[in-house]
Amino acid sequence: MYRRIRDLREDNDFTQKQMAKELSCSQQVYSNNELGQRDIPTEILIKLSCFYNVSTDYILGLTDNPEINK
C-alpha cells in the first residue's frame, strides 16, 4: 500500500509537500504515511482515492485494477 501511494504521487509529478498541503497535514506526517511508519487514517485514504480517482482497494493493494466500481 505504501509503495502504491508513493508511485501514484510520483506518476502524477507531485511532491510530498504538495500532497501534504492537499491533505491538510504536514510534510513529515505525509512522509511517515508514505514510508509505512504511520498508519494511514481512513479519511486520508478516502481523500487519496478521490484525488487520484482510483479505488481504495487499489491503494490498499487488494486489486491491481485502479478503476472505481460504479
C-alpha atoms as a PDB file:
ATOM      1  CA  MET A   1       0.000   0.000   0.000  1.00  0.00           C
ATOM      2  CA  TYR A   2       2.739   2.463   0.911  1.00  0.00           C
ATOM      3  CA  ARG A   3       4.632   1.857  -2.319  1.00  0.00           C
ATOM      4  CA  ARG A   4       1.445   2.385  -4.282  1.00  0.00           C
ATOM      5  CA  ILE A   5       0.824   5.748  -2.619  1.00  0.00           C
ATOM      6  CA  ARG A   6       4.340   6.862  -3.482  1.00  0.00           C
ATOM      7  CA  ASP A   7       4.007   5.596  -7.046  1.00  0.00           C
ATOM      8  CA  LEU A   8       0.718   7.466  -7.520  1.00  0.00           C
ATOM      9  CA  ARG A   9       2.321  10.660  -6.248  1.00  0.00           C
ATOM     10  CA  GLU A  10       5.409  10.299  -8.419  1.00  0.00           C
ATOM     11  CA  ASP A  11       3.435   9.254 -11.514  1.00  0.00           C
ATOM     12  CA  ASN A  12       1.439  12.477 -11.172  1.00  0.00           C
ATOM     13  CA  ASP A  13       4.542  14.615 -10.579  1.00  0.00           C
ATOM     14  CA  PHE A  14       3.602  15.784  -7.097  1.00  0.00           C
ATOM     15  CA  THR A  15       5.992  16.387  -4.227  1.00  0.00           C
ATOM     16  CA  GLN A  16       5.347  15.193  -0.698  1.00  0.00           C
ATOM     17  CA  LYS A  17       4.924  18.830   0.295  1.00  0.00           C
ATOM     18  CA  GLN A  18       2.225  19.365  -2.333  1.00  0.00           C
ATOM     19  CA  MET A  19       0.368  16.236  -1.223  1.00  0.00           C
ATOM     20  CA  ALA A  20       0.630  17.215   2.421  1.00  0.00           C
ATOM     21  CA  LYS A  21      -0.960  20.558   1.588  1.00  0.00           C
ATOM     22  CA  GLU A  22      -3.729  18.838  -0.384  1.00  0.00           C
ATOM     23  CA  LEU A  23      -4.411  16.504   2.559  1.00  0.00           C
ATOM     24  CA  SER A  24      -4.106  19.240   5.199  1.00  0.00           C
ATOM     25  CA  CYS A  25      -1.224  17.643   7.061  1.00  0.00           C
ATOM     26  CA  SER A  26       2.472  18.321   7.474  1.00  0.00           C
ATOM     27  CA  GLN A  27       5.051  17.029   5.017  1.00  0.00           C
ATOM     28  CA  GLN A  28       6.530  14.914   7.816  1.00  0.00           C
ATOM     29  CA  VAL A  29       3.183  13.240   8.559  1.00  0.00           C
ATOM     30  CA  TYR A  30       2.671  12.559   4.858  1.00  0.00           C
ATOM     31  CA  SER A  31       6.195  11.167   4.560  1.00  0.00           C
ATOM     32  CA  ASN A  32       5.598   8.871   7.540  1.00  0.00           C
ATOM     33  CA  ASN A  33       2.392   7.633   5.917  1.00  0.00           C
ATOM     34  CA  GLU A  34       4.139   7.003   2.617  1.00  0.00           C
ATOM     35  CA  LEU A  35       7.011   5.149   4.292  1.00  0.00           C
ATOM     36  CA  GLY A  36       4.666   2.961   6.332  1.00  0.00           C
ATOM     37  CA  GLN A  37       5.908   4.413   9.605  1.00  0.00           C
ATOM     38  CA  ARG A  38       2.415   5.573  10.445  1.00  0.00           C
ATOM     39  CA  ASP A  39      -0.979   4.036   9.730  1.00  0.00           C
ATOM     40  CA  ILE A  40      -2.976   5.945   7.178  1.00  0.00           C
ATOM     41  CA  PRO A  41      -6.256   7.203   8.636  1.00  0.00           C
ATOM     42  CA  THR A  42      -9.396   6.202   6.753  1.00  0.00           C
ATOM     43  CA  GLU A  43     -10.212   9.827   5.944  1.00  0.00           C
ATOM     44  CA  ILE A  44      -6.792  10.267   4.286  1.00  0.00           C
ATOM     45  CA  LEU A  45      -7.224   7.018   2.363  1.00  0.00           C
ATOM     46  CA  ILE A  46     -10.545   8.274   1.026  1.00  0.00           C
ATOM     47  CA  LYS A  47      -9.053  11.670   0.127  1.00  0.00           C
ATOM     48  CA  LEU A  48      -6.207   9.959  -1.752  1.00  0.00           C
ATOM     49  CA  SER A  49      -8.684   7.755  -3.594  1.00  0.00           C
ATOM     50  CA  CYS A  50     -10.747  10.772  -4.663  1.00  0.00           C
ATOM     51  CA  PHE A  51      -7.697  12.882  -5.514  1.00  0.00           C
ATOM     52  CA  TYR A  52      -6.149  10.234  -7.780  1.00  0.00           C
ATOM     53  CA  ASN A  53      -9.519   8.899  -8.955  1.00  0.00           C
ATOM     54  CA  VAL A  54      -8.634   5.323  -8.024  1.00  0.00           C
ATOM     55  CA  SER A  55     -10.370   2.840  -5.760  1.00  0.00           C
ATOM     56  CA  THR A  56      -9.396   2.439  -2.127  1.00  0.00           C
ATOM     57  CA  ASP A  57      -8.937  -1.268  -2.892  1.00  0.00           C
ATOM     58  CA  TYR A  58      -6.271  -0.291  -5.411  1.00  0.00           C
ATOM     59  CA  ILE A  59      -4.444   1.861  -2.871  1.00  0.00           C
ATOM     60  CA  LEU A  60      -4.682  -0.917  -0.279  1.00  0.00           C
ATOM     61  CA  GLY A  61      -3.243  -3.432  -2.746  1.00  0.00           C
ATOM     62  CA  LEU A  62      -6.367  -5.605  -2.818  1.00  0.00           C
ATOM     63  CA  THR A  63      -6.577  -5.250  -6.590  1.00  0.00           C
ATOM     64  CA  ASP A  64      -4.304  -4.199  -9.414  1.00  0.00           C
ATOM     65  CA  ASN A  65      -7.233  -2.540 -11.187  1.00  0.00           C
ATOM     66  CA  PRO A  66      -7.256   1.163 -10.272  1.00  0.00           C
ATOM     67  CA  GLU A  67     -10.774   1.765 -11.631  1.00  0.00           C
ATOM     68  CA  ILE A  68     -13.533   2.699  -9.244  1.00  0.00           C
ATOM     69  CA  ASN A  69     -16.544   0.367  -9.451  1.00  0.00           C
ATOM     70  CA  LYS A  70     -19.688   2.379 -10.017  1.00  0.00           C
END
